[in-house]
Amino acid sequence: MNVSLTDDLSAFVADQLKEGGYNNQSEVVREGLRLLRARNEKLVQLRHAVAVGMADIDAGRTIPLTSEVLRDIADRAKQRVRSRKSRPA
């Protein structure tokens, strides 16, 4: 496979090689593709979560976001933090 890069991207690859994190150009490109794949997988998960949320809204499986609900969420978060701090390391 041949890949054509803009001058800017080619310079970036060269900089990465100079910094010593990679042994060759292919390693730099493979790392970029791994990151792109991970980003795309995260987008798929986020889109799925949004679809689930929208289905819940459409089905009426939601509650209004009131001050009381927000306080309850904050209280539960504080309890989780406290319980994590009290666990032995």
PDB file of N, CA and C in Angstrom:
ATOM      1  N   MET A   1       0.842  -1.170   0.000  1.00  0.00           N
ATOM      2  CA  MET A   1       0.000   0.000   0.000  1.00  0.00           C
ATOM      3  C   MET A   1       0.891   1.238   0.000  1.00  0.00           C
ATOM      4  N   ASN A   2       0.587   2.147  -0.870  1.00  0.00           N
ATOM      5  CA  ASN A   2       1.288   3.423  -0.910  1.00  0.00           C
ATOM      6  C   ASN A   2       0.366   4.500  -0.369  1.00  0.00           C
ATOM      7  N   VAL A   3       0.921   5.388   0.405  1.00  0.00           N
ATOM      8  CA  VAL A   3       0.139   6.475   0.985  1.00  0.00           C
ATOM      9  C   VAL A   3       0.827   7.781   0.634  1.00  0.00           C
ATOM     10  N   SER A   4       0.050   8.719   0.128  1.00  0.00           N
ATOM     11  CA  SER A   4       0.581  10.049  -0.173  1.00  0.00           C
ATOM     12  C   SER A   4       0.205  10.982   0.961  1.00  0.00           C
ATOM     13  N   LEU A   5       1.178  11.691   1.490  1.00  0.00           N
ATOM     14  CA  LEU A   5       0.950  12.624   2.587  1.00  0.00           C
ATOM     15  C   LEU A   5       1.200  14.046   2.120  1.00  0.00           C
ATOM     16  N   THR A   6       0.477  14.972   2.728  1.00  0.00           N
ATOM     17  CA  THR A   6       0.768  16.378   2.468  1.00  0.00           C
ATOM     18  C   THR A   6       2.134  16.693   3.070  1.00  0.00           C
ATOM     19  N   ASP A   7       2.709  17.801   2.657  1.00  0.00           N
ATOM     20  CA  ASP A   7       4.006  18.200   3.208  1.00  0.00           C
ATOM     21  C   ASP A   7       3.941  18.342   4.727  1.00  0.00           C
ATOM     22  N   ASP A   8       2.829  18.880   5.210  1.00  0.00           N
ATOM     23  CA  ASP A   8       2.655  19.087   6.637  1.00  0.00           C
ATOM     24  C   ASP A   8       2.652  17.746   7.391  1.00  0.00           C
ATOM     25  N   LEU A   9       1.899  16.772   6.889  1.00  0.00           N
ATOM     26  CA  LEU A   9       1.863  15.463   7.539  1.00  0.00           C
ATOM     27  C   LEU A   9       3.193  14.732   7.416  1.00  0.00           C
ATOM     28  N   SER A  10       3.840  14.882   6.300  1.00  0.00           N
ATOM     29  CA  SER A  10       5.155  14.262   6.118  1.00  0.00           C
ATOM     30  C   SER A  10       6.154  14.826   7.117  1.00  0.00           C
ATOM     31  N   ALA A  11       6.097  16.139   7.337  1.00  0.00           N
ATOM     32  CA  ALA A  11       6.988  16.768   8.321  1.00  0.00           C
ATOM     33  C   ALA A  11       6.654  16.280   9.723  1.00  0.00           C
ATOM     34  N   PHE A  12       5.375  16.087  10.004  1.00  0.00           N
ATOM     35  CA  PHE A  12       4.967  15.580  11.311  1.00  0.00           C
ATOM     36  C   PHE A  12       5.538  14.178  11.544  1.00  0.00           C
ATOM     37  N   VAL A  13       5.441  13.326  10.545  1.00  0.00           N
ATOM     38  CA  VAL A  13       5.997  11.971  10.648  1.00  0.00           C
ATOM     39  C   VAL A  13       7.498  12.053  10.904  1.00  0.00           C
ATOM     40  N   ALA A  14       8.172  12.903  10.170  1.00  0.00           N
ATOM     41  CA  ALA A  14       9.620  13.063  10.347  1.00  0.00           C
ATOM     42  C   ALA A  14       9.940  13.539  11.763  1.00  0.00           C
ATOM     43  N   ASP A  15       9.142  14.456  12.282  1.00  0.00           N
ATOM     44  CA  ASP A  15       9.342  14.937  13.659  1.00  0.00           C
ATOM     45  C   ASP A  15       9.170  13.807  14.668  1.00  0.00           C
ATOM     46  N   GLN A  16       8.183  12.973  14.451  1.00  0.00           N
ATOM     47  CA  GLN A  16       7.961  11.848  15.355  1.00  0.00           C
ATOM     48  C   GLN A  16       9.150  10.891  15.357  1.00  0.00           C
ATOM     49  N   LEU A  17       9.745  10.691  14.196  1.00  0.00           N
ATOM     50  CA  LEU A  17      10.922   9.829  14.102  1.00  0.00           C
ATOM     51  C   LEU A  17      12.112  10.457  14.819  1.00  0.00           C
ATOM     52  N   LYS A  18      12.271  11.770  14.652  1.00  0.00           N
ATOM     53  CA  LYS A  18      13.381  12.470  15.309  1.00  0.00           C
ATOM     54  C   LYS A  18      13.263  12.414  16.829  1.00  0.00           C
ATOM     55  N   GLU A  19      12.013  12.495  17.336  1.00  0.00           N
ATOM     56  CA  GLU A  19      11.798  12.468  18.778  1.00  0.00           C
ATOM     57  C   GLU A  19      12.085  11.094  19.373  1.00  0.00           C
ATOM     58  N   GLY A  20      12.213  10.094  18.512  1.00  0.00           N
ATOM     59  CA  GLY A  20      12.627   8.779  18.981  1.00  0.00           C
ATOM     60  C   GLY A  20      11.533   7.849  19.442  1.00  0.00           C
ATOM     61  N   GLY A  21      10.282   8.231  19.304  1.00  0.00           N
ATOM     62  CA  GLY A  21       9.199   7.359  19.746  1.00  0.00           C
ATOM     63  C   GLY A  21       8.896   6.224  18.785  1.00  0.00           C
ATOM     64  N   TYR A  22       9.400   6.340  17.569  1.00  0.00           N
ATOM     65  CA  TYR A  22       9.112   5.352  16.530  1.00  0.00           C
ATOM     66  C   TYR A  22      10.392   5.011  15.786  1.00  0.00           C
ATOM     67  N   ASN A  23      10.421   3.792  15.245  1.00  0.00           N
ATOM     68  CA  ASN A  23      11.604   3.343  14.509  1.00  0.00           C
ATOM     69  C   ASN A  23      11.539   3.655  13.024  1.00  0.00           C
ATOM     70  N   ASN A  24      10.321   3.786  12.486  1.00  0.00           N
ATOM     71  CA  ASN A  24      10.194   4.049  11.053  1.00  0.00           C
ATOM     72  C   ASN A  24       8.842   4.701  10.760  1.00  0.00           C
ATOM     73  N   GLN A  25       8.682   5.129   9.532  1.00  0.00           N
ATOM     74  CA  GLN A  25       7.462   5.822   9.120  1.00  0.00           C
ATOM     75  C   GLN A  25       6.225   4.944   9.275  1.00  0.00           C
ATOM     76  N   SER A  26       6.352   3.669   8.988  1.00  0.00           N
ATOM     77  CA  SER A  26       5.207   2.763   9.088  1.00  0.00           C
ATOM     78  C   SER A  26       4.668   2.697  10.508  1.00  0.00           C
ATOM     79  N   GLU A  27       5.546   2.717  11.505  1.00  0.00           N
ATOM     80  CA  GLU A  27       5.091   2.689  12.889  1.00  0.00           C
ATOM     81  C   GLU A  27       4.270   3.925  13.214  1.00  0.00           C
ATOM     82  N   VAL A  28       4.696   5.076  12.708  1.00  0.00           N
ATOM     83  CA  VAL A  28       3.956   6.320  12.952  1.00  0.00           C
ATOM     84  C   VAL A  28       2.568   6.226  12.324  1.00  0.00           C
ATOM     85  N   VAL A  29       2.502   5.778  11.099  1.00  0.00           N
ATOM     86  CA  VAL A  29       1.224   5.671  10.399  1.00  0.00           C
ATOM     87  C   VAL A  29       0.329   4.639  11.071  1.00  0.00           C
ATOM     88  N   ARG A  30       0.883   3.500  11.479  1.00  0.00           N
ATOM     89  CA  ARG A  30       0.079   2.474  12.158  1.00  0.00           C
ATOM     90  C   ARG A  30      -0.503   3.015  13.466  1.00  0.00           C
ATOM     91  N   GLU A  31       0.305   3.763  14.210  1.00  0.00           N
ATOM     92  CA  GLU A  31      -0.196   4.350  15.457  1.00  0.00           C
ATOM     93  C   GLU A  31      -1.343   5.316  15.179  1.00  0.00           C
ATOM     94  N   GLY A  32      -1.193   6.123  14.145  1.00  0.00           N
ATOM     95  CA  GLY A  32      -2.269   7.044  13.771  1.00  0.00           C
ATOM     96  C   GLY A  32      -3.539   6.295  13.402  1.00  0.00           C
ATOM     97  N   LEU A  33      -3.397   5.200  12.684  1.00  0.00           N
ATOM     98  CA  LEU A  33      -4.566   4.408  12.304  1.00  0.00           C
ATOM     99  C   LEU A  33      -5.199   3.731  13.517  1.00  0.00           C
ATOM    100  N   ARG A  34      -4.379   3.270  14.464  1.00  0.00           N
ATOM    101  CA  ARG A  34      -4.933   2.679  15.698  1.00  0.00           C
ATOM    102  C   ARG A  34      -5.744   3.714  16.459  1.00  0.00           C
ATOM    103  N   LEU A  35      -5.225   4.934  16.543  1.00  0.00           N
ATOM    104  CA  LEU A  35      -5.949   6.000  17.232  1.00  0.00           C
ATOM    105  C   LEU A  35      -7.248   6.343  16.512  1.00  0.00           C
ATOM    106  N   LEU A  36      -7.217   6.364  15.189  1.00  0.00           N
ATOM    107  CA  LEU A  36      -8.419   6.635  14.406  1.00  0.00           C
ATOM    108  C   LEU A  36      -9.454   5.535  14.620  1.00  0.00           C
ATOM    109  N   ARG A  37      -9.001   4.287  14.644  1.00  0.00           N
ATOM    110  CA  ARG A  37      -9.907   3.166  14.886  1.00  0.00           C
ATOM    111  C   ARG A  37     -10.550   3.292  16.266  1.00  0.00           C
ATOM    112  N   ALA A  38      -9.746   3.611  17.279  1.00  0.00           N
ATOM    113  CA  ALA A  38     -10.272   3.750  18.639  1.00  0.00           C
ATOM    114  C   ALA A  38     -11.293   4.887  18.703  1.00  0.00           C
ATOM    115  N   ARG A  39     -11.007   5.985  18.035  1.00  0.00           N
ATOM    116  CA  ARG A  39     -11.952   7.108  18.014  1.00  0.00           C
ATOM    117  C   ARG A  39     -13.262   6.703  17.352  1.00  0.00           C
ATOM    118  N   ASN A  40     -13.158   5.983  16.241  1.00  0.00           N
ATOM    119  CA  ASN A  40     -14.363   5.544  15.542  1.00  0.00           C
ATOM    120  C   ASN A  40     -15.173   4.568  16.382  1.00  0.00           C
ATOM    121  N   GLU A  41     -14.493   3.672  17.103  1.00  0.00           N
ATOM    122  CA  GLU A  41     -15.198   2.729  17.971  1.00  0.00           C
ATOM    123  C   GLU A  41     -15.916   3.479  19.089  1.00  0.00           C
ATOM    124  N   LYS A  42     -15.274   4.514  19.623  1.00  0.00           N
ATOM    125  CA  LYS A  42     -15.899   5.319  20.670  1.00  0.00           C
ATOM    126  C   LYS A  42     -17.123   6.054  20.119  1.00  0.00           C
ATOM    127  N   LEU A  43     -17.022   6.556  18.890  1.00  0.00           N
ATOM    128  CA  LEU A  43     -18.169   7.223  18.264  1.00  0.00           C
ATOM    129  C   LEU A  43     -19.336   6.267  18.088  1.00  0.00           C
ATOM    130  N   VAL A  44     -19.055   5.029  17.700  1.00  0.00           N
ATOM    131  CA  VAL A  44     -20.115   4.026  17.554  1.00  0.00           C
ATOM    132  C   VAL A  44     -20.796   3.805  18.901  1.00  0.00           C
ATOM    133  N   GLN A  45     -20.007   3.684  19.970  1.00  0.00           N
ATOM    134  CA  GLN A  45     -20.573   3.484  21.305  1.00  0.00           C
ATOM    135  C   GLN A  45     -21.411   4.683  21.730  1.00  0.00           C
ATOM    136  N   LEU A  46     -20.922   5.893  21.461  1.00  0.00           N
ATOM    137  CA  LEU A  46     -21.670   7.095  21.817  1.00  0.00           C
ATOM    138  C   LEU A  46     -22.973   7.192  21.039  1.00  0.00           C
ATOM    139  N   ARG A  47     -22.921   6.881  19.753  1.00  0.00           N
ATOM    140  CA  ARG A  47     -24.143   6.920  18.944  1.00  0.00           C
ATOM    141  C   ARG A  47     -25.159   5.902  19.453  1.00  0.00           C
ATOM    142  N   HIS A  48     -24.680   4.736  19.861  1.00  0.00           N
ATOM    143  CA  HIS A  48     -25.570   3.716  20.412  1.00  0.00           C
ATOM    144  C   HIS A  48     -26.195   4.226  21.713  1.00  0.00           C
ATOM    145  N   ALA A  49     -25.384   4.824  22.583  1.00  0.00           N
ATOM    146  CA  ALA A  49     -25.898   5.343  23.849  1.00  0.00           C
ATOM    147  C   ALA A  49     -26.947   6.432  23.602  1.00  0.00           C
ATOM    148  N   VAL A  50     -26.712   7.288  22.615  1.00  0.00           N
ATOM    149  CA  VAL A  50     -27.694   8.316  22.278  1.00  0.00           C
ATOM    150  C   VAL A  50     -28.982   7.670  21.770  1.00  0.00           C
ATOM    151  N   ALA A  51     -28.852   6.657  20.940  1.00  0.00           N
ATOM    152  CA  ALA A  51     -30.042   5.970  20.417  1.00  0.00           C
ATOM    153  C   ALA A  51     -30.839   5.325  21.549  1.00  0.00           C
ATOM    154  N   VAL A  52     -30.150   4.708  22.502  1.00  0.00           N
ATOM    155  CA  VAL A  52     -30.830   4.113  23.660  1.00  0.00           C
ATOM    156  C   VAL A  52     -31.539   5.201  24.456  1.00  0.00           C
ATOM    157  N   GLY A  53     -30.842   6.307  24.680  1.00  0.00           N
ATOM    158  CA  GLY A  53     -31.441   7.416  25.414  1.00  0.00           C
ATOM    159  C   GLY A  53     -32.667   7.978  24.704  1.00  0.00           C
ATOM    160  N   MET A  54     -32.569   8.136  23.400  1.00  0.00           N
ATOM    161  CA  MET A  54     -33.710   8.650  22.641  1.00  0.00           C
ATOM    162  C   MET A  54     -34.886   7.677  22.702  1.00  0.00           C
ATOM    163  N   ALA A  55     -34.596   6.377  22.649  1.00  0.00           N
ATOM    164  CA  ALA A  55     -35.661   5.378  22.752  1.00  0.00           C
ATOM    165  C   ALA A  55     -36.325   5.455  24.120  1.00  0.00           C
ATOM    166  N   ASP A  56     -35.525   5.672  25.165  1.00  0.00           N
ATOM    167  CA  ASP A  56     -36.083   5.829  26.507  1.00  0.00           C
ATOM    168  C   ASP A  56     -36.982   7.061  26.577  1.00  0.00           C
ATOM    169  N   ILE A  57     -36.547   8.149  25.969  1.00  0.00           N
ATOM    170  CA  ILE A  57     -37.367   9.363  25.950  1.00  0.00           C
ATOM    171  C   ILE A  57     -38.677   9.087  25.221  1.00  0.00           C
ATOM    172  N   ASP A  58     -38.574   8.469  24.045  1.00  0.00           N
ATOM    173  CA  ASP A  58     -39.778   8.187  23.251  1.00  0.00           C
ATOM    174  C   ASP A  58     -40.743   7.265  23.986  1.00  0.00           C
ATOM    175  N   ALA A  59     -40.197   6.345  24.799  1.00  0.00           N
ATOM    176  CA  ALA A  59     -41.034   5.392  25.522  1.00  0.00           C
ATOM    177  C   ALA A  59     -41.494   5.928  26.871  1.00  0.00           C
ATOM    178  N   GLY A  60     -41.087   7.140  27.214  1.00  0.00           N
ATOM    179  CA  GLY A  60     -41.504   7.728  28.477  1.00  0.00           C
ATOM    180  C   GLY A  60     -40.758   7.192  29.687  1.00  0.00           C
ATOM    181  N   ARG A  61     -39.588   6.616  29.489  1.00  0.00           N
ATOM    182  CA  ARG A  61     -38.805   6.062  30.600  1.00  0.00           C
ATOM    183  C   ARG A  61     -37.799   7.075  31.135  1.00  0.00           C
ATOM    184  N   THR A  62     -38.255   8.295  31.327  1.00  0.00           N
ATOM    185  CA  THR A  62     -37.381   9.347  31.843  1.00  0.00           C
ATOM    186  C   THR A  62     -38.090  10.066  32.982  1.00  0.00           C
ATOM    187  N   ILE A  63     -37.317  10.812  33.754  1.00  0.00           N
ATOM    188  CA  ILE A  63     -37.884  11.656  34.798  1.00  0.00           C
ATOM    189  C   ILE A  63     -37.384  13.075  34.575  1.00  0.00           C
ATOM    190  N   PRO A  64     -38.162  14.061  34.976  1.00  0.00           N
ATOM    191  CA  PRO A  64     -37.724  15.448  34.800  1.00  0.00           C
ATOM    192  C   PRO A  64     -36.458  15.724  35.619  1.00  0.00           C
ATOM    193  N   LEU A  65     -35.587  16.529  35.090  1.00  0.00           N
ATOM    194  CA  LEU A  65     -34.349  16.897  35.776  1.00  0.00           C
ATOM    195  C   LEU A  65     -34.629  18.102  36.667  1.00  0.00           C
ATOM    196  N   THR A  66     -34.933  17.814  37.918  1.00  0.00           N
ATOM    197  CA  THR A  66     -35.268  18.866  38.877  1.00  0.00           C
ATOM    198  C   THR A  66     -34.089  19.096  39.802  1.00  0.00           C
ATOM    199  N   SER A  67     -34.187  20.138  40.614  1.00  0.00           N
ATOM    200  CA  SER A  67     -33.142  20.416  41.608  1.00  0.00           C
ATOM    201  C   SER A  67     -32.987  19.237  42.559  1.00  0.00           C
ATOM    202  N   GLU A  68     -34.099  18.625  42.925  1.00  0.00           N
ATOM    203  CA  GLU A  68     -34.056  17.473  43.825  1.00  0.00           C
ATOM    204  C   GLU A  68     -33.300  16.307  43.195  1.00  0.00           C
ATOM    205  N   VAL A  69     -33.545  16.046  41.939  1.00  0.00           N
ATOM    206  CA  VAL A  69     -32.846  14.961  41.241  1.00  0.00           C
ATOM    207  C   VAL A  69     -31.354  15.272  41.163  1.00  0.00           C
ATOM    208  N   LEU A  70     -31.011  16.513  40.854  1.00  0.00           N
ATOM    209  CA  LEU A  70     -29.599  16.902  40.784  1.00  0.00           C
ATOM    210  C   LEU A  70     -28.912  16.745  42.134  1.00  0.00           C
ATOM    211  N   ARG A  71     -29.592  17.135  43.219  1.00  0.00           N
ATOM    212  CA  ARG A  71     -29.017  16.958  44.563  1.00  0.00           C
ATOM    213  C   ARG A  71     -28.799  15.471  44.859  1.00  0.00           C
ATOM    214  N   ASP A  72     -29.761  14.650  44.481  1.00  0.00           N
ATOM    215  CA  ASP A  72     -29.634  13.208  44.707  1.00  0.00           C
ATOM    216  C   ASP A  72     -28.426  12.645  43.947  1.00  0.00           C
ATOM    217  N   ILE A  73     -28.257  13.076  42.721  1.00  0.00           N
ATOM    218  CA  ILE A  73     -27.105  12.625  41.926  1.00  0.00           C
ATOM    219  C   ILE A  73     -25.807  13.060  42.597  1.00  0.00           C
ATOM    220  N   ALA A  74     -25.740  14.312  43.031  1.00  0.00           N
ATOM    221  CA  ALA A  74     -24.537  14.823  43.689  1.00  0.00           C
ATOM    222  C   ALA A  74     -24.267  14.064  44.982  1.00  0.00           C
ATOM    223  N   ASP A  75     -25.317  13.795  45.760  1.00  0.00           N
ATOM    224  CA  ASP A  75     -25.142  13.048  47.018  1.00  0.00           C
ATOM    225  C   ASP A  75     -24.604  11.646  46.757  1.00  0.00           C
ATOM    226  N   ARG A  76     -25.149  10.977  45.749  1.00  0.00           N
ATOM    227  CA  ARG A  76     -24.668   9.623  45.434  1.00  0.00           C
ATOM    228  C   ARG A  76     -23.220   9.652  44.952  1.00  0.00           C
ATOM    229  N   ALA A  77     -22.851  10.675  44.201  1.00  0.00           N
ATOM    230  CA  ALA A  77     -21.465  10.796  43.735  1.00  0.00           C
ATOM    231  C   ALA A  77     -20.525  11.002  44.917  1.00  0.00           C
ATOM    232  N   LYS A  78     -20.928  11.856  45.858  1.00  0.00           N
ATOM    233  CA  LYS A  78     -20.102  12.089  47.047  1.00  0.00           C
ATOM    234  C   LYS A  78     -19.939  10.811  47.857  1.00  0.00           C
ATOM    235  N   GLN A  79     -21.010  10.035  47.976  1.00  0.00           N
ATOM    236  CA  GLN A  79     -20.932   8.765  48.703  1.00  0.00           C
ATOM    237  C   GLN A  79     -19.953   7.808  48.027  1.00  0.00           C
ATOM    238  N   ARG A  80     -19.979   7.767  46.711  1.00  0.00           N
ATOM    239  CA  ARG A  80     -19.037   6.898  45.980  1.00  0.00           C
ATOM    240  C   ARG A  80     -17.596   7.321  46.229  1.00  0.00           C
ATOM    241  N   VAL A  81     -17.356   8.622  46.196  1.00  0.00           N
ATOM    242  CA  VAL A  81     -16.001   9.130  46.434  1.00  0.00           C
ATOM    243  C   VAL A  81     -15.552   8.752  47.833  1.00  0.00           C
ATOM    244  N   ARG A  82     -16.417   8.964  48.822  1.00  0.00           N
ATOM    245  CA  ARG A  82     -16.066   8.621  50.202  1.00  0.00           C
ATOM    246  C   ARG A  82     -15.792   7.125  50.345  1.00  0.00           C
ATOM    247  N   SER A  83     -16.605   6.290  49.704  1.00  0.00           N
ATOM    248  CA  SER A  83     -16.401   4.839  49.849  1.00  0.00           C
ATOM    249  C   SER A  83     -15.103   4.404  49.164  1.00  0.00           C
ATOM    250  N   ARG A  84     -14.725   5.059  48.094  1.00  0.00           N
ATOM    251  CA  ARG A  84     -13.466   4.717  47.426  1.00  0.00           C
ATOM    252  C   ARG A  84     -12.272   5.137  48.282  1.00  0.00           C
ATOM    253  N   LYS A  85     -12.396   6.274  48.946  1.00  0.00           N
ATOM    254  CA  LYS A  85     -11.304   6.763  49.787  1.00  0.00           C
ATOM    255  C   LYS A  85     -11.121   5.877  51.017  1.00  0.00           C
ATOM    256  N   SER A  86     -12.203   5.263  51.486  1.00  0.00           N
ATOM    257  CA  SER A  86     -12.110   4.447  52.691  1.00  0.00           C
ATOM    258  C   SER A  86     -11.631   3.023  52.409  1.00  0.00           C
ATOM    259  N   ARG A  87     -11.567   2.634  51.141  1.00  0.00           N
ATOM    260  CA  ARG A  87     -11.065   1.299  50.782  1.00  0.00           C
ATOM    261  C   ARG A  87      -9.550   1.239  50.948  1.00  0.00           C
ATOM    262  N   PRO A  88      -9.057   0.078  51.416  1.00  0.00           N
ATOM    263  CA  PRO A  88      -7.594  -0.076  51.484  1.00  0.00           C
ATOM    264  C   PRO A  88      -6.997  -0.110  50.067  1.00  0.00           C
ATOM    265  N   ALA A  89      -5.835   0.453  49.931  1.00  0.00           N
ATOM    266  CA  ALA A  89      -5.189   0.524  48.611  1.00  0.00           C
ATOM    267  C   ALA A  89      -4.582  -0.746  48.175  1.00  0.00           C
TER     268      ALA A  89
END
